[in-house]
Amino acid sequence: MLILTPDNISKPIIKLAKQLVASPYLIYVDVIPEPSFLINECYENVRIKIQRDGGNIQYGWQIWEWFNVYIEAEFHAVWLSPSNQYVDITPKAAHVTKILFLPDPNRTYNNRSIDNERRPLRQDKLIRDFLRTSKEINRMKMKGEVPNNPNKTFVDQSDYEYWAILHDDLMKMLINNLTENSPCFCGSNKQYKHCHSL
C-alpha cells in the first residue's frame, strides 16, 4: 500500500489541518473494526454501533500520506465511546492499526459525498496533474450521485474513462519514482512536462 497513516505530524499536515478546521486537534485513533461492518461505510457503521453500545459519532478527517508525493484528508466518522474514547470501528482495505484523525466540529455527513483534500509534498507537475485527475474523477462521481444513495452514481462514461486512464498512467509513473522531467508515459521520449502534462 502506497498511501499510509503518517508516522508523524509534519508541517504540511499541520498546514492542511489549519485549512480544514479553525482550531485543529490532530490525534492518532486506534482502528478496532467490528467484524460485521463494511469497508467505507463509516457513517452507517457508527450509527449501528451507537444503537448497540451508546456513545456518539465524531465527524472529521482521516489523514493519509504517500511519502514524498502527497498528503490527503478524507472525510470520515469514528465512534466516540461512552467513556469519551475515539475508536475507528470501520474495517480498512489494508491492515491499518491506527489513523491520524482531525475532528471537525463544523461538518456533518448529509448523504452527499465530501471530496478529499489533497496537497503535494513537493513541487512537481506530475504530482499536481495526478492530484487533478483524482479531483476530476471525484467531481464527476459526486455530480452523478443519486440523492440519498451516494453508492450509486451516473457519470459521462467517455469523460470519466479519459480521466481514469490518465490517472492510472500518472500513478504508474509515480510508483516508479518518476518525475515531471522523466520520459512521458506515452512513449514519445519527451519529458512528461513537455508532452502530456495538463
C-alpha atoms as a PDB file:
ATOM      1  CA  MET A   1       0.000   0.000   0.000  1.00  0.00           C
ATOM      2  CA  LEU A   2       1.444   3.355  -1.062  1.00  0.00           C
ATOM      3  CA  ILE A   3      -0.733   5.701   0.963  1.00  0.00           C
ATOM      4  CA  LEU A   4      -0.480   5.145   4.703  1.00  0.00           C
ATOM      5  CA  THR A   5      -1.163   6.672   8.084  1.00  0.00           C
ATOM      6  CA  PRO A   6       1.605   9.279   8.588  1.00  0.00           C
ATOM      7  CA  ASP A   7       4.263   8.300  11.125  1.00  0.00           C
ATOM      8  CA  ASN A   8       4.456  11.856  12.436  1.00  0.00           C
ATOM      9  CA  ILE A   9       2.535  15.102  12.283  1.00  0.00           C
ATOM     10  CA  SER A  10       4.616  17.119   9.816  1.00  0.00           C
ATOM     11  CA  LYS A  11       4.405  20.815   8.948  1.00  0.00           C
ATOM     12  CA  PRO A  12       2.486  20.114   5.687  1.00  0.00           C
ATOM     13  CA  ILE A  13      -0.068  18.085   7.668  1.00  0.00           C
ATOM     14  CA  ILE A  14      -0.464  20.884  10.225  1.00  0.00           C
ATOM     15  CA  LYS A  15      -0.913  23.397   7.395  1.00  0.00           C
ATOM     16  CA  LEU A  16      -3.599  21.235   5.777  1.00  0.00           C
ATOM     17  CA  ALA A  17      -5.344  20.749   9.133  1.00  0.00           C
ATOM     18  CA  LYS A  18      -5.477  24.522   9.669  1.00  0.00           C
ATOM     19  CA  GLN A  19      -7.082  24.934   6.249  1.00  0.00           C
ATOM     20  CA  LEU A  20      -9.815  22.462   7.201  1.00  0.00           C
ATOM     21  CA  VAL A  21     -10.525  23.301  10.856  1.00  0.00           C
ATOM     22  CA  ALA A  22     -10.137  26.654  12.615  1.00  0.00           C
ATOM     23  CA  SER A  23      -8.526  25.168  15.748  1.00  0.00           C
ATOM     24  CA  PRO A  24      -7.154  21.810  14.637  1.00  0.00           C
ATOM     25  CA  TYR A  25      -6.540  18.978  17.069  1.00  0.00           C
ATOM     26  CA  LEU A  26      -4.826  16.005  15.414  1.00  0.00           C
ATOM     27  CA  ILE A  27      -4.878  12.670  17.235  1.00  0.00           C
ATOM     28  CA  TYR A  28      -3.966   9.084  16.495  1.00  0.00           C
ATOM     29  CA  VAL A  29      -7.000   6.816  16.809  1.00  0.00           C
ATOM     30  CA  ASP A  30      -6.882   3.030  17.142  1.00  0.00           C
ATOM     31  CA  VAL A  31      -8.614   1.014  14.434  1.00  0.00           C
ATOM     32  CA  ILE A  32     -10.680  -1.721  16.083  1.00  0.00           C
ATOM     33  CA  PRO A  33     -13.045  -2.878  13.320  1.00  0.00           C
ATOM     34  CA  GLU A  34     -16.312  -4.594  14.083  1.00  0.00           C
ATOM     35  CA  PRO A  35     -16.391  -7.928  12.181  1.00  0.00           C
ATOM     36  CA  SER A  36     -19.835  -7.410  10.636  1.00  0.00           C
ATOM     37  CA  PHE A  37     -19.216  -3.844   9.477  1.00  0.00           C
ATOM     38  CA  LEU A  38     -18.418  -2.868   5.885  1.00  0.00           C
ATOM     39  CA  ILE A  39     -15.357  -1.114   4.460  1.00  0.00           C
ATOM     40  CA  ASN A  40     -16.005   2.538   3.510  1.00  0.00           C
ATOM     41  CA  GLU A  41     -19.333   2.664   5.356  1.00  0.00           C
ATOM     42  CA  CYS A  42     -18.166   4.601   8.405  1.00  0.00           C
ATOM     43  CA  TYR A  43     -21.329   6.674   8.857  1.00  0.00           C
ATOM     44  CA  GLU A  44     -23.669   3.692   8.879  1.00  0.00           C
ATOM     45  CA  ASN A  45     -21.220   1.630  10.933  1.00  0.00           C
ATOM     46  CA  VAL A  46     -21.057   4.279  13.661  1.00  0.00           C
ATOM     47  CA  ARG A  47     -24.842   4.701  13.623  1.00  0.00           C
ATOM     48  CA  ILE A  48     -25.307   0.978  14.270  1.00  0.00           C
ATOM     49  CA  LYS A  49     -22.592   0.997  16.945  1.00  0.00           C
ATOM     50  CA  ILE A  50     -24.320   3.845  18.806  1.00  0.00           C
ATOM     51  CA  GLN A  51     -27.647   1.983  18.748  1.00  0.00           C
ATOM     52  CA  ARG A  52     -25.915  -1.094  20.133  1.00  0.00           C
ATOM     53  CA  ASP A  53     -23.447   0.346  22.646  1.00  0.00           C
ATOM     54  CA  GLY A  54     -24.249   4.028  23.129  1.00  0.00           C
ATOM     55  CA  GLY A  55     -21.754   6.827  22.602  1.00  0.00           C
ATOM     56  CA  ASN A  56     -21.703   9.395  19.804  1.00  0.00           C
ATOM     57  CA  ILE A  57     -20.480   9.987  16.292  1.00  0.00           C
ATOM     58  CA  GLN A  58     -17.452  12.206  15.669  1.00  0.00           C
ATOM     59  CA  TYR A  59     -17.056  13.581  12.169  1.00  0.00           C
ATOM     60  CA  GLY A  60     -13.674  14.656  10.931  1.00  0.00           C
ATOM     61  CA  TRP A  61     -10.844  13.870   8.535  1.00  0.00           C
ATOM     62  CA  GLN A  62      -8.534  10.881   8.426  1.00  0.00           C
ATOM     63  CA  ILE A  63      -5.135  11.912   7.127  1.00  0.00           C
ATOM     64  CA  TRP A  64      -3.168   9.761   4.685  1.00  0.00           C
ATOM     65  CA  GLU A  65       0.326  10.185   3.243  1.00  0.00           C
ATOM     66  CA  TRP A  66       2.144   8.880   0.182  1.00  0.00           C
ATOM     67  CA  PHE A  67       5.706   9.572   1.304  1.00  0.00           C
ATOM     68  CA  ASN A  68       7.309  12.436  -0.626  1.00  0.00           C
ATOM     69  CA  VAL A  69       4.339  12.550  -3.025  1.00  0.00           C
ATOM     70  CA  TYR A  70       1.207  13.928  -1.361  1.00  0.00           C
ATOM     71  CA  ILE A  71      -0.990  14.067   1.727  1.00  0.00           C
ATOM     72  CA  GLU A  72      -4.734  13.560   1.710  1.00  0.00           C
ATOM     73  CA  ALA A  73      -7.581  14.318   4.093  1.00  0.00           C
ATOM     74  CA  GLU A  74     -10.610  12.036   3.733  1.00  0.00           C
ATOM     75  CA  PHE A  75     -13.881  12.944   5.441  1.00  0.00           C
ATOM     76  CA  HIS A  76     -14.659  10.211   7.946  1.00  0.00           C
ATOM     77  CA  ALA A  77     -16.542   9.314  11.106  1.00  0.00           C
ATOM     78  CA  VAL A  78     -15.334   7.498  14.201  1.00  0.00           C
ATOM     79  CA  TRP A  79     -17.148   6.251  17.273  1.00  0.00           C
ATOM     80  CA  LEU A  80     -16.873   8.293  20.458  1.00  0.00           C
ATOM     81  CA  SER A  81     -17.416   5.757  23.243  1.00  0.00           C
ATOM     82  CA  PRO A  82     -19.458   6.491  26.402  1.00  0.00           C
ATOM     83  CA  SER A  83     -16.087   6.940  28.163  1.00  0.00           C
ATOM     84  CA  ASN A  84     -15.079   9.575  25.534  1.00  0.00           C
ATOM     85  CA  GLN A  85     -12.548   7.390  23.698  1.00  0.00           C
ATOM     86  CA  TYR A  86     -12.210   7.786  19.927  1.00  0.00           C
ATOM     87  CA  VAL A  87     -12.300   4.428  18.137  1.00  0.00           C
ATOM     88  CA  ASP A  88     -12.290   3.807  14.388  1.00  0.00           C
ATOM     89  CA  ILE A  89     -14.662   0.846  14.086  1.00  0.00           C
ATOM     90  CA  THR A  90     -14.733   0.741  10.275  1.00  0.00           C
ATOM     91  CA  PRO A  91     -12.678  -2.000   8.572  1.00  0.00           C
ATOM     92  CA  LYS A  92      -9.925  -0.899   6.178  1.00  0.00           C
ATOM     93  CA  ALA A  93      -8.976  -2.397   2.818  1.00  0.00           C
ATOM     94  CA  ALA A  94      -5.403  -2.843   4.075  1.00  0.00           C
ATOM     95  CA  HIS A  95      -4.052  -3.737   7.506  1.00  0.00           C
ATOM     96  CA  VAL A  96      -4.196  -0.391   9.304  1.00  0.00           C
ATOM     97  CA  THR A  97      -3.979  -0.357  13.107  1.00  0.00           C
ATOM     98  CA  LYS A  98      -4.320   3.397  13.647  1.00  0.00           C
ATOM     99  CA  ILE A  99      -5.356   6.506  11.764  1.00  0.00           C
ATOM    100  CA  LEU A 100      -4.385  10.141  12.132  1.00  0.00           C
ATOM    101  CA  PHE A 101      -7.701  11.887  12.767  1.00  0.00           C
ATOM    102  CA  LEU A 102      -8.712  15.542  12.696  1.00  0.00           C
ATOM    103  CA  PRO A 103     -12.085  16.081  14.447  1.00  0.00           C
ATOM    104  CA  ASP A 104     -14.224  18.633  12.598  1.00  0.00           C
ATOM    105  CA  PRO A 105     -16.930  20.227  14.781  1.00  0.00           C
ATOM    106  CA  ASN A 106     -18.493  22.142  11.872  1.00  0.00           C
ATOM    107  CA  ARG A 107     -19.168  19.482   9.229  1.00  0.00           C
ATOM    108  CA  THR A 108     -21.540  16.559   9.142  1.00  0.00           C
ATOM    109  CA  TYR A 109     -22.492  13.939   6.593  1.00  0.00           C
ATOM    110  CA  ASN A 110     -25.828  14.563   4.863  1.00  0.00           C
ATOM    111  CA  ASN A 111     -25.980  11.693   2.351  1.00  0.00           C
ATOM    112  CA  ARG A 112     -23.755  13.596  -0.077  1.00  0.00           C
ATOM    113  CA  SER A 113     -20.075  12.818  -0.513  1.00  0.00           C
ATOM    114  CA  ILE A 114     -17.444  15.323   0.562  1.00  0.00           C
ATOM    115  CA  ASP A 115     -14.390  15.375  -1.670  1.00  0.00           C
ATOM    116  CA  ASN A 116     -10.970  14.569  -0.255  1.00  0.00           C
ATOM    117  CA  GLU A 117      -8.460  17.372   0.191  1.00  0.00           C
ATOM    118  CA  ARG A 118      -5.052  16.636  -1.323  1.00  0.00           C
ATOM    119  CA  ARG A 119      -1.760  18.551  -1.198  1.00  0.00           C
ATOM    120  CA  PRO A 120       1.527  17.766  -2.996  1.00  0.00           C
ATOM    121  CA  LEU A 121       4.596  17.206  -0.845  1.00  0.00           C
ATOM    122  CA  ARG A 122       6.996  18.531  -3.469  1.00  0.00           C
ATOM    123  CA  GLN A 123       6.814  20.831  -6.451  1.00  0.00           C
ATOM    124  CA  ASP A 124       6.404  18.522  -9.415  1.00  0.00           C
ATOM    125  CA  LYS A 125       3.954  18.913 -12.326  1.00  0.00           C
ATOM    126  CA  LEU A 126       3.477  15.146 -12.451  1.00  0.00           C
ATOM    127  CA  ILE A 127       2.160  15.116  -8.864  1.00  0.00           C
ATOM    128  CA  ARG A 128      -0.051  18.163  -9.412  1.00  0.00           C
ATOM    129  CA  ASP A 129      -1.555  16.582 -12.534  1.00  0.00           C
ATOM    130  CA  PHE A 130      -2.117  13.294 -10.704  1.00  0.00           C
ATOM    131  CA  LEU A 131      -3.989  15.135  -7.951  1.00  0.00           C
ATOM    132  CA  ARG A 132      -6.030  16.997 -10.553  1.00  0.00           C
ATOM    133  CA  THR A 133      -7.110  13.698 -12.144  1.00  0.00           C
ATOM    134  CA  SER A 134      -8.200  12.478  -8.697  1.00  0.00           C
ATOM    135  CA  LYS A 135     -10.241  15.653  -8.213  1.00  0.00           C
ATOM    136  CA  GLU A 136     -11.868  15.393 -11.650  1.00  0.00           C
ATOM    137  CA  ILE A 137     -12.835  11.755 -11.090  1.00  0.00           C
ATOM    138  CA  ASN A 138     -14.370  12.552  -7.712  1.00  0.00           C
ATOM    139  CA  ARG A 139     -16.119  15.633  -9.114  1.00  0.00           C
ATOM    140  CA  MET A 140     -17.837  13.510 -11.762  1.00  0.00           C
ATOM    141  CA  LYS A 141     -18.816  10.864  -9.228  1.00  0.00           C
ATOM    142  CA  MET A 142     -20.232  13.458  -6.836  1.00  0.00           C
ATOM    143  CA  LYS A 143     -22.117  15.267  -9.612  1.00  0.00           C
ATOM    144  CA  GLY A 144     -23.703  11.983 -10.680  1.00  0.00           C
ATOM    145  CA  GLU A 145     -24.636  10.787  -7.204  1.00  0.00           C
ATOM    146  CA  VAL A 146     -28.184   9.604  -6.738  1.00  0.00           C
ATOM    147  CA  PRO A 147     -29.763  11.602  -3.870  1.00  0.00           C
ATOM    148  CA  ASN A 148     -29.728   9.661  -0.593  1.00  0.00           C
ATOM    149  CA  ASN A 149     -27.758   6.857  -2.270  1.00  0.00           C
ATOM    150  CA  PRO A 150     -24.127   8.007  -2.682  1.00  0.00           C
ATOM    151  CA  ASN A 151     -23.032   4.462  -3.577  1.00  0.00           C
ATOM    152  CA  LYS A 152     -24.930   4.768  -6.871  1.00  0.00           C
ATOM    153  CA  THR A 153     -23.723   7.279  -9.466  1.00  0.00           C
ATOM    154  CA  PHE A 154     -24.304   8.161 -13.109  1.00  0.00           C
ATOM    155  CA  VAL A 155     -21.357   9.650 -14.994  1.00  0.00           C
ATOM    156  CA  ASP A 156     -20.474  10.507 -18.580  1.00  0.00           C
ATOM    157  CA  GLN A 157     -18.598   7.312 -19.401  1.00  0.00           C
ATOM    158  CA  SER A 158     -16.298   8.708 -22.094  1.00  0.00           C
ATOM    159  CA  ASP A 159     -15.259  11.707 -19.994  1.00  0.00           C
ATOM    160  CA  TYR A 160     -14.807   9.506 -16.937  1.00  0.00           C
ATOM    161  CA  GLU A 161     -12.682   6.974 -18.839  1.00  0.00           C
ATOM    162  CA  TYR A 162     -10.379   9.728 -20.115  1.00  0.00           C
ATOM    163  CA  TRP A 163      -9.592  10.916 -16.585  1.00  0.00           C
ATOM    164  CA  ALA A 164      -9.425   7.383 -15.150  1.00  0.00           C
ATOM    165  CA  ILE A 165      -6.925   6.190 -17.779  1.00  0.00           C
ATOM    166  CA  LEU A 166      -4.794   9.317 -17.328  1.00  0.00           C
ATOM    167  CA  HIS A 167      -4.948   8.841 -13.541  1.00  0.00           C
ATOM    168  CA  ASP A 168      -3.654   5.262 -13.902  1.00  0.00           C
ATOM    169  CA  ASP A 169      -0.845   6.311 -16.274  1.00  0.00           C
ATOM    170  CA  LEU A 170       0.326   9.029 -13.884  1.00  0.00           C
ATOM    171  CA  MET A 171       0.101   6.708 -10.892  1.00  0.00           C
ATOM    172  CA  LYS A 172       2.351   4.189 -12.660  1.00  0.00           C
ATOM    173  CA  MET A 173       4.927   6.913 -13.236  1.00  0.00           C
ATOM    174  CA  LEU A 174       4.811   7.949  -9.559  1.00  0.00           C
ATOM    175  CA  ILE A 175       5.061   4.331  -8.380  1.00  0.00           C
ATOM    176  CA  ASN A 176       8.253   4.063 -10.437  1.00  0.00           C
ATOM    177  CA  ASN A 177       9.662   7.216  -8.771  1.00  0.00           C
ATOM    178  CA  LEU A 178       9.500   9.220 -11.996  1.00  0.00           C
ATOM    179  CA  THR A 179       9.106  12.998 -12.126  1.00  0.00           C
ATOM    180  CA  GLU A 180       7.955  15.729 -14.494  1.00  0.00           C
ATOM    181  CA  ASN A 181      11.412  15.505 -16.126  1.00  0.00           C
ATOM    182  CA  SER A 182      11.075  11.785 -16.893  1.00  0.00           C
ATOM    183  CA  PRO A 183      10.047  10.440 -20.308  1.00  0.00           C
ATOM    184  CA  CYS A 184       6.280  10.647 -20.761  1.00  0.00           C
ATOM    185  CA  PHE A 185       4.171   7.516 -20.266  1.00  0.00           C
ATOM    186  CA  CYS A 186       3.047   7.689 -23.920  1.00  0.00           C
ATOM    187  CA  GLY A 187       6.462   6.592 -25.235  1.00  0.00           C
ATOM    188  CA  SER A 188       7.279   9.835 -27.072  1.00  0.00           C
ATOM    189  CA  ASN A 189      10.640  10.131 -25.244  1.00  0.00           C
ATOM    190  CA  LYS A 190       9.743  13.744 -24.463  1.00  0.00           C
ATOM    191  CA  GLN A 191       9.805  14.845 -20.836  1.00  0.00           C
ATOM    192  CA  TYR A 192       6.377  14.486 -19.278  1.00  0.00           C
ATOM    193  CA  LYS A 193       6.159  18.234 -18.575  1.00  0.00           C
ATOM    194  CA  HIS A 194       6.610  18.915 -22.318  1.00  0.00           C
ATOM    195  CA  CYS A 195       4.271  16.162 -23.502  1.00  0.00           C
ATOM    196  CA  HIS A 196       1.032  15.034 -21.823  1.00  0.00           C
ATOM    197  CA  SER A 197       1.236  17.499 -18.938  1.00  0.00           C
ATOM    198  CA  LEU A 198      -2.142  19.119 -18.259  1.00  0.00           C
END
